[in-house]
PDB file of N, CA and C in Angstrom:
ATOM      1  N   UNK A   1      50.591 -58.085  74.461  1.00  0.00           N
ATOM      2  CA  UNK A   1      50.271 -59.230  73.647  1.00  0.00           C
ATOM      3  C   UNK A   1      50.356 -60.470  74.532  1.00  0.00           C
ATOM      4  N   UNK A   2      49.508 -61.449  74.209  1.00  0.00           N
ATOM      5  CA  UNK A   2      49.555 -62.701  74.963  1.00  0.00           C
ATOM      6  C   UNK A   2      49.648 -63.866  73.997  1.00  0.00           C
ATOM      7  N   UNK A   3      50.186 -64.934  74.469  1.00  0.00           N
ATOM      8  CA  UNK A   3      50.319 -66.142  73.664  1.00  0.00           C
ATOM      9  C   UNK A   3      49.199 -67.094  74.053  1.00  0.00           C
ATOM     10  N   UNK A   4      48.532 -67.657  73.056  1.00  0.00           N
ATOM     11  CA  UNK A   4      47.440 -68.586  73.325  1.00  0.00           C
ATOM     12  C   UNK A   4      47.631 -69.862  72.515  1.00  0.00           C
ATOM     13  N   UNK A   5      47.094 -70.928  73.046  1.00  0.00           N
ATOM     14  CA  UNK A   5      47.041 -72.177  72.296  1.00  0.00           C
ATOM     15  C   UNK A   5      45.646 -72.310  71.727  1.00  0.00           C
ATOM     16  N   UNK A   6      45.579 -72.707  70.470  1.00  0.00           N
ATOM     17  CA  UNK A   6      44.288 -72.866  69.809  1.00  0.00           C
ATOM     18  C   UNK A   6      44.254 -74.196  69.081  1.00  0.00           C
ATOM     19  N   UNK A   7      43.035 -74.613  68.776  1.00  0.00           N
ATOM     20  CA  UNK A   7      42.803 -75.786  67.949  1.00  0.00           C
ATOM     21  C   UNK A   7      42.457 -75.295  66.551  1.00  0.00           C
ATOM     22  N   UNK A   8      43.048 -75.906  65.545  1.00  0.00           N
ATOM     23  CA  UNK A   8      42.718 -75.559  64.165  1.00  0.00           C
ATOM     24  C   UNK A   8      41.804 -76.649  63.627  1.00  0.00           C
ATOM     25  N   UNK A   9      40.601 -76.255  63.239  1.00  0.00           N
ATOM     26  CA  UNK A   9      39.633 -77.226  62.745  1.00  0.00           C
ATOM     27  C   UNK A   9      39.907 -77.555  61.278  1.00  0.00           C
ATOM     28  N   UNK A  10      39.246 -78.570  60.770  1.00  0.00           N
ATOM     29  CA  UNK A  10      39.450 -79.024  59.400  1.00  0.00           C
ATOM     30  C   UNK A  10      39.128 -77.951  58.363  1.00  0.00           C
ATOM     31  N   UNK A  11      38.243 -77.024  58.715  1.00  0.00           N
ATOM     32  CA  UNK A  11      37.889 -75.964  57.767  1.00  0.00           C
ATOM     33  C   UNK A  11      38.728 -74.701  57.967  1.00  0.00           C
ATOM     34  N   UNK A  12      39.755 -74.781  58.820  1.00  0.00           N
ATOM     35  CA  UNK A  12      40.689 -73.675  58.987  1.00  0.00           C
ATOM     36  C   UNK A  12      40.380 -72.723  60.121  1.00  0.00           C
ATOM     37  N   UNK A  13      39.239 -72.887  60.793  1.00  0.00           N
ATOM     38  CA  UNK A  13      38.911 -72.010  61.916  1.00  0.00           C
ATOM     39  C   UNK A  13      39.834 -72.292  63.092  1.00  0.00           C
ATOM     40  N   UNK A  14      40.187 -71.234  63.800  1.00  0.00           N
ATOM     41  CA  UNK A  14      40.985 -71.353  65.020  1.00  0.00           C
ATOM     42  C   UNK A  14      40.074 -71.125  66.207  1.00  0.00           C
ATOM     43  N   UNK A  15      40.084 -72.055  67.142  1.00  0.00           N
ATOM     44  CA  UNK A  15      39.227 -71.976  68.325  1.00  0.00           C
ATOM     45  C   UNK A  15      40.039 -72.284  69.567  1.00  0.00           C
ATOM     46  N   UNK A  16      39.766 -71.548  70.634  1.00  0.00           N
ATOM     47  CA  UNK A  16      40.418 -71.830  71.908  1.00  0.00           C
ATOM     48  C   UNK A  16      39.809 -73.043  72.595  1.00  0.00           C
ATOM     49  N   UNK A  17      38.555 -73.336  72.310  1.00  0.00           N
ATOM     50  CA  UNK A  17      37.865 -74.441  72.971  1.00  0.00           C
ATOM     51  C   UNK A  17      37.750 -75.638  72.023  1.00  0.00           C
ATOM     52  N   UNK A  18      38.038 -76.813  72.574  1.00  0.00           N
ATOM     53  CA  UNK A  18      38.024 -78.039  71.781  1.00  0.00           C
ATOM     54  C   UNK A  18      36.645 -78.349  71.221  1.00  0.00           C
ATOM     55  N   UNK A  19      35.582 -78.162  72.027  1.00  0.00           N
ATOM     56  CA  UNK A  19      34.257 -78.518  71.537  1.00  0.00           C
ATOM     57  C   UNK A  19      33.847 -77.670  70.334  1.00  0.00           C
ATOM     58  N   UNK A  20      34.248 -76.418  70.321  1.00  0.00           N
ATOM     59  CA  UNK A  20      33.930 -75.543  69.193  1.00  0.00           C
ATOM     60  C   UNK A  20      34.715 -75.959  67.939  1.00  0.00           C
ATOM     61  N   UNK A  21      35.984 -76.326  68.117  1.00  0.00           N
ATOM     62  CA  UNK A  21      36.795 -76.772  66.984  1.00  0.00           C
ATOM     63  C   UNK A  21      36.240 -78.067  66.400  1.00  0.00           C
ATOM     64  N   UNK A  22      35.855 -78.999  67.262  1.00  0.00           N
ATOM     65  CA  UNK A  22      35.311 -80.266  66.776  1.00  0.00           C
ATOM     66  C   UNK A  22      33.935 -80.077  66.144  1.00  0.00           C
ATOM     67  N   UNK A  23      33.176 -79.077  66.590  1.00  0.00           N
ATOM     68  CA  UNK A  23      31.898 -78.769  65.945  1.00  0.00           C
ATOM     69  C   UNK A  23      32.137 -78.309  64.512  1.00  0.00           C
ATOM     70  N   UNK A  24      33.192 -77.524  64.292  1.00  0.00           N
ATOM     71  CA  UNK A  24      33.559 -77.127  62.932  1.00  0.00           C
ATOM     72  C   UNK A  24      33.927 -78.362  62.101  1.00  0.00           C
ATOM     73  N   UNK A  25      34.687 -79.287  62.694  1.00  0.00           N
ATOM     74  CA  UNK A  25      35.072 -80.510  61.980  1.00  0.00           C
ATOM     75  C   UNK A  25      33.850 -81.311  61.564  1.00  0.00           C
ATOM     76  N   UNK A  26      32.926 -81.493  62.498  1.00  0.00           N
ATOM     77  CA  UNK A  26      31.713 -82.247  62.194  1.00  0.00           C
ATOM     78  C   UNK A  26      30.902 -81.553  61.109  1.00  0.00           C
ATOM     79  N   UNK A  27      30.733 -80.267  61.230  1.00  0.00           N
ATOM     80  CA  UNK A  27      29.958 -79.502  60.247  1.00  0.00           C
ATOM     81  C   UNK A  27      30.578 -79.622  58.857  1.00  0.00           C
ATOM     82  N   UNK A  28      31.907 -79.562  58.768  1.00  0.00           N
ATOM     83  CA  UNK A  28      32.587 -79.691  57.477  1.00  0.00           C
ATOM     84  C   UNK A  28      32.390 -81.085  56.888  1.00  0.00           C
ATOM     85  N   UNK A  29      32.346 -82.108  57.737  1.00  0.00           N
ATOM     86  CA  UNK A  29      32.243 -83.491  57.269  1.00  0.00           C
ATOM     87  C   UNK A  29      30.836 -83.872  56.804  1.00  0.00           C
ATOM     88  N   UNK A  30      29.835 -83.140  57.246  1.00  0.00           N
ATOM     89  CA  UNK A  30      28.460 -83.493  56.912  1.00  0.00           C
ATOM     90  C   UNK A  30      28.134 -83.189  55.453  1.00  0.00           C
ATOM     91  N   UNK A  31      27.206 -83.968  54.872  1.00  0.00           N
ATOM     92  CA  UNK A  31      26.811 -83.703  53.482  1.00  0.00           C
ATOM     93  C   UNK A  31      25.888 -82.499  53.386  1.00  0.00           C
ATOM     94  N   UNK A  32      25.750 -82.018  52.173  1.00  0.00           N
ATOM     95  CA  UNK A  32      24.822 -80.911  51.912  1.00  0.00           C
ATOM     96  C   UNK A  32      23.388 -81.421  51.996  1.00  0.00           C
ATOM     97  N   UNK A  33      22.481 -80.531  52.321  1.00  0.00           N
ATOM     98  CA  UNK A  33      21.056 -80.834  52.422  1.00  0.00           C
ATOM     99  C   UNK A  33      20.483 -81.001  51.020  1.00  0.00           C
ATOM    100  N   UNK A  34      19.686 -82.033  50.805  1.00  0.00           N
ATOM    101  CA  UNK A  34      19.105 -82.256  49.475  1.00  0.00           C
ATOM    102  C   UNK A  34      18.055 -81.199  49.136  1.00  0.00           C
ATOM    103  N   UNK A  35      17.375 -80.675  50.134  1.00  0.00           N
ATOM    104  CA  UNK A  35      16.348 -79.662  49.886  1.00  0.00           C
ATOM    105  C   UNK A  35      16.949 -78.284  49.622  1.00  0.00           C
ATOM    106  N   UNK A  36      18.115 -78.010  50.225  1.00  0.00           N
ATOM    107  CA  UNK A  36      18.778 -76.720  50.051  1.00  0.00           C
ATOM    108  C   UNK A  36      20.265 -76.968  49.864  1.00  0.00           C
ATOM    109  N   UNK A  37      20.747 -76.986  48.629  1.00  0.00           N
ATOM    110  CA  UNK A  37      22.160 -77.310  48.391  1.00  0.00           C
ATOM    111  C   UNK A  37      23.144 -76.288  48.948  1.00  0.00           C
ATOM    112  N   UNK A  38      22.642 -75.148  49.417  1.00  0.00           N
ATOM    113  CA  UNK A  38      23.519 -74.150  50.033  1.00  0.00           C
ATOM    114  C   UNK A  38      23.703 -74.388  51.519  1.00  0.00           C
ATOM    115  N   UNK A  39      23.041 -75.388  52.075  1.00  0.00           N
ATOM    116  CA  UNK A  39      23.099 -75.656  53.512  1.00  0.00           C
ATOM    117  C   UNK A  39      23.546 -77.093  53.755  1.00  0.00           C
ATOM    118  N   UNK A  40      24.019 -77.337  54.959  1.00  0.00           N
ATOM    119  CA  UNK A  40      24.374 -78.691  55.384  1.00  0.00           C
ATOM    120  C   UNK A  40      23.157 -79.326  56.050  1.00  0.00           C
ATOM    121  N   UNK A  41      23.209 -80.648  56.280  1.00  0.00           N
ATOM    122  CA  UNK A  41      22.073 -81.323  56.912  1.00  0.00           C
ATOM    123  C   UNK A  41      21.879 -80.877  58.359  1.00  0.00           C
ATOM    124  N   UNK A  42      22.946 -80.438  59.020  1.00  0.00           N
ATOM    125  CA  UNK A  42      22.871 -79.834  60.353  1.00  0.00           C
ATOM    126  C   UNK A  42      23.629 -78.518  60.312  1.00  0.00           C
ATOM    127  N   UNK A  43      23.130 -77.527  61.021  1.00  0.00           N
ATOM    128  CA  UNK A  43      23.884 -76.278  61.085  1.00  0.00           C
ATOM    129  C   UNK A  43      24.975 -76.388  62.156  1.00  0.00           C
ATOM    130  N   UNK A  44      25.862 -75.385  62.193  1.00  0.00           N
ATOM    131  CA  UNK A  44      26.996 -75.443  63.096  1.00  0.00           C
ATOM    132  C   UNK A  44      26.562 -75.454  64.560  1.00  0.00           C
ATOM    133  N   UNK A  45      25.498 -74.763  64.892  1.00  0.00           N
ATOM    134  CA  UNK A  45      25.013 -74.731  66.281  1.00  0.00           C
ATOM    135  C   UNK A  45      24.577 -76.128  66.710  1.00  0.00           C
ATOM    136  N   UNK A  46      23.889 -76.867  65.840  1.00  0.00           N
ATOM    137  CA  UNK A  46      23.500 -78.242  66.163  1.00  0.00           C
ATOM    138  C   UNK A  46      24.735 -79.111  66.374  1.00  0.00           C
ATOM    139  N   UNK A  47      25.761 -78.900  65.560  1.00  0.00           N
ATOM    140  CA  UNK A  47      27.011 -79.644  65.734  1.00  0.00           C
ATOM    141  C   UNK A  47      27.655 -79.330  67.078  1.00  0.00           C
ATOM    142  N   UNK A  48      27.591 -78.072  67.497  1.00  0.00           N
ATOM    143  CA  UNK A  48      28.133 -77.686  68.798  1.00  0.00           C
ATOM    144  C   UNK A  48      27.352 -78.366  69.924  1.00  0.00           C
ATOM    145  N   UNK A  49      26.031 -78.421  69.821  1.00  0.00           N
ATOM    146  CA  UNK A  49      25.228 -79.121  70.830  1.00  0.00           C
ATOM    147  C   UNK A  49      25.611 -80.596  70.908  1.00  0.00           C
ATOM    148  N   UNK A  50      25.882 -81.206  69.768  1.00  0.00           N
ATOM    149  CA  UNK A  50      26.312 -82.604  69.764  1.00  0.00           C
ATOM    150  C   UNK A  50      27.629 -82.754  70.519  1.00  0.00           C
ATOM    151  N   UNK A  51      28.574 -81.867  70.261  1.00  0.00           N
ATOM    152  CA  UNK A  51      29.867 -81.930  70.951  1.00  0.00           C
ATOM    153  C   UNK A  51      29.726 -81.682  72.447  1.00  0.00           C
ATOM    154  N   UNK A  52      28.860 -80.759  72.821  1.00  0.00           N
ATOM    155  CA  UNK A  52      28.655 -80.467  74.240  1.00  0.00           C
ATOM    156  C   UNK A  52      28.006 -81.637  74.972  1.00  0.00           C
ATOM    157  N   UNK A  53      27.299 -82.498  74.246  1.00  0.00           N
ATOM    158  CA  UNK A  53      26.616 -83.651  74.834  1.00  0.00           C
ATOM    159  C   UNK A  53      27.191 -84.953  74.294  1.00  0.00           C
ATOM    160  N   UNK A  54      28.487 -84.970  74.061  1.00  0.00           N
ATOM    161  CA  UNK A  54      29.145 -86.105  73.415  1.00  0.00           C
ATOM    162  C   UNK A  54      28.945 -87.420  74.163  1.00  0.00           C
ATOM    163  N   UNK A  55      28.950 -87.385  75.493  1.00  0.00           N
ATOM    164  CA  UNK A  55      28.803 -88.635  76.254  1.00  0.00           C
ATOM    165  C   UNK A  55      27.450 -89.280  75.977  1.00  0.00           C
ATOM    166  N   UNK A  56      26.406 -88.481  75.973  1.00  0.00           N
ATOM    167  CA  UNK A  56      25.058 -88.996  75.721  1.00  0.00           C
ATOM    168  C   UNK A  56      24.949 -89.489  74.280  1.00  0.00           C
ATOM    169  N   UNK A  57      25.462 -88.705  73.353  1.00  0.00           N
ATOM    170  CA  UNK A  57      25.399 -89.062  71.935  1.00  0.00           C
ATOM    171  C   UNK A  57      26.170 -90.354  71.679  1.00  0.00           C
ATOM    172  N   UNK A  58      27.346 -90.493  72.276  1.00  0.00           N
ATOM    173  CA  UNK A  58      28.162 -91.694  72.072  1.00  0.00           C
ATOM    174  C   UNK A  58      27.476 -92.946  72.598  1.00  0.00           C
ATOM    175  N   UNK A  59      26.754 -92.847  73.708  1.00  0.00           N
ATOM    176  CA  UNK A  59      26.021 -94.007  74.222  1.00  0.00           C
ATOM    177  C   UNK A  59      25.033 -94.508  73.174  1.00  0.00           C
ATOM    178  N   UNK A  60      24.290 -93.584  72.592  1.00  0.00           N
ATOM    179  CA  UNK A  60      23.279 -93.974  71.615  1.00  0.00           C
ATOM    180  C   UNK A  60      23.903 -94.423  70.301  1.00  0.00           C
ATOM    181  N   UNK A  61      24.982 -93.797  69.901  1.00  0.00           N
ATOM    182  CA  UNK A  61      25.642 -94.205  68.662  1.00  0.00           C
ATOM    183  C   UNK A  61      26.259 -95.588  68.782  1.00  0.00           C
ATOM    184  N   UNK A  62      26.900 -95.871  69.908  1.00  0.00           N
ATOM    185  CA  UNK A  62      27.504 -97.200  70.072  1.00  0.00           C
ATOM    186  C   UNK A  62      26.434 -98.282  70.115  1.00  0.00           C
ATOM    187  N   UNK A  63      25.313 -98.009  70.768  1.00  0.00           N
ATOM    188  CA  UNK A  63      24.209 -98.973  70.782  1.00  0.00           C
ATOM    189  C   UNK A  63      23.649 -99.159  69.372  1.00  0.00           C
ATOM    190  N   UNK A  64      23.507 -98.079  68.627  1.00  0.00           N
ATOM    191  CA  UNK A  64      23.015 -98.169  67.258  1.00  0.00           C
ATOM    192  C   UNK A  64      23.951 -99.017  66.397  1.00  0.00           C
ATOM    193  N   UNK A  65      25.264 -98.794  66.525  1.00  0.00           N
ATOM    194  CA  UNK A  65      26.213 -99.555  65.721  1.00  0.00           C
ATOM    195  C   UNK A  65      26.180-101.041  66.060  1.00  0.00           C
ATOM    196  N   UNK A  66      25.949-101.367  67.321  1.00  0.00           N
ATOM    197  CA  UNK A  66      25.837-102.769  67.712  1.00  0.00           C
ATOM    198  C   UNK A  66      24.589-103.407  67.120  1.00  0.00           C
ATOM    199  N   UNK A  67      23.483-102.684  67.135  1.00  0.00           N
ATOM    200  CA  UNK A  67      22.204-103.249  66.732  1.00  0.00           C
ATOM    201  C   UNK A  67      21.923-103.183  65.233  1.00  0.00           C
ATOM    202  N   UNK A  68      22.560-102.285  64.516  1.00  0.00           N
ATOM    203  CA  UNK A  68      22.195-102.083  63.110  1.00  0.00           C
ATOM    204  C   UNK A  68      22.493-103.307  62.250  1.00  0.00           C
ATOM    205  N   UNK A  69      23.526-104.061  62.585  1.00  0.00           N
ATOM    206  CA  UNK A  69      23.846-105.240  61.792  1.00  0.00           C
ATOM    207  C   UNK A  69      22.913-106.404  62.088  1.00  0.00           C
ATOM    208  N   UNK A  70      22.296-106.405  63.261  1.00  0.00           N
ATOM    209  CA  UNK A  70      21.379-107.498  63.617  1.00  0.00           C
ATOM    210  C   UNK A  70      19.921-107.156  63.357  1.00  0.00           C
ATOM    211  N   UNK A  71      19.641-105.898  63.059  1.00  0.00           N
ATOM    212  CA  UNK A  71      18.256-105.488  62.821  1.00  0.00           C
ATOM    213  C   UNK A  71      17.766-106.071  61.495  1.00  0.00           C
ATOM    214  N   UNK A  72      16.506-106.476  61.456  1.00  0.00           N
ATOM    215  CA  UNK A  72      15.964-107.010  60.199  1.00  0.00           C
ATOM    216  C   UNK A  72      15.924-105.919  59.121  1.00  0.00           C
ATOM    217  N   UNK A  73      16.264-106.311  57.902  1.00  0.00           N
ATOM    218  CA  UNK A  73      16.247-105.369  56.781  1.00  0.00           C
ATOM    219  C   UNK A  73      14.836-105.190  56.287  1.00  0.00           C
ATOM    220  N   UNK A  74      14.464-103.962  55.966  1.00  0.00           N
ATOM    221  CA  UNK A  74      13.107-103.689  55.470  1.00  0.00           C
ATOM    222  C   UNK A  74      13.165-103.131  54.094  1.00  0.00           C
TER     223      UNK A  74
END
């Protein structure tokens, strides 16, 4: 037997890797899809891709948050 450290995600999954645990957290936090109430707006694999590319995603999100308040309303 071996002892391991794991991350427990918000939905109760245990993962050895942080990016996988945070993908579960993101997936749990997302709303359901309006077209298919049995699905989320993003699947878990898409959430994992977001976590794997967090630096790139954060650059665009921070720029969006800066600009959204100054953008003209339509």
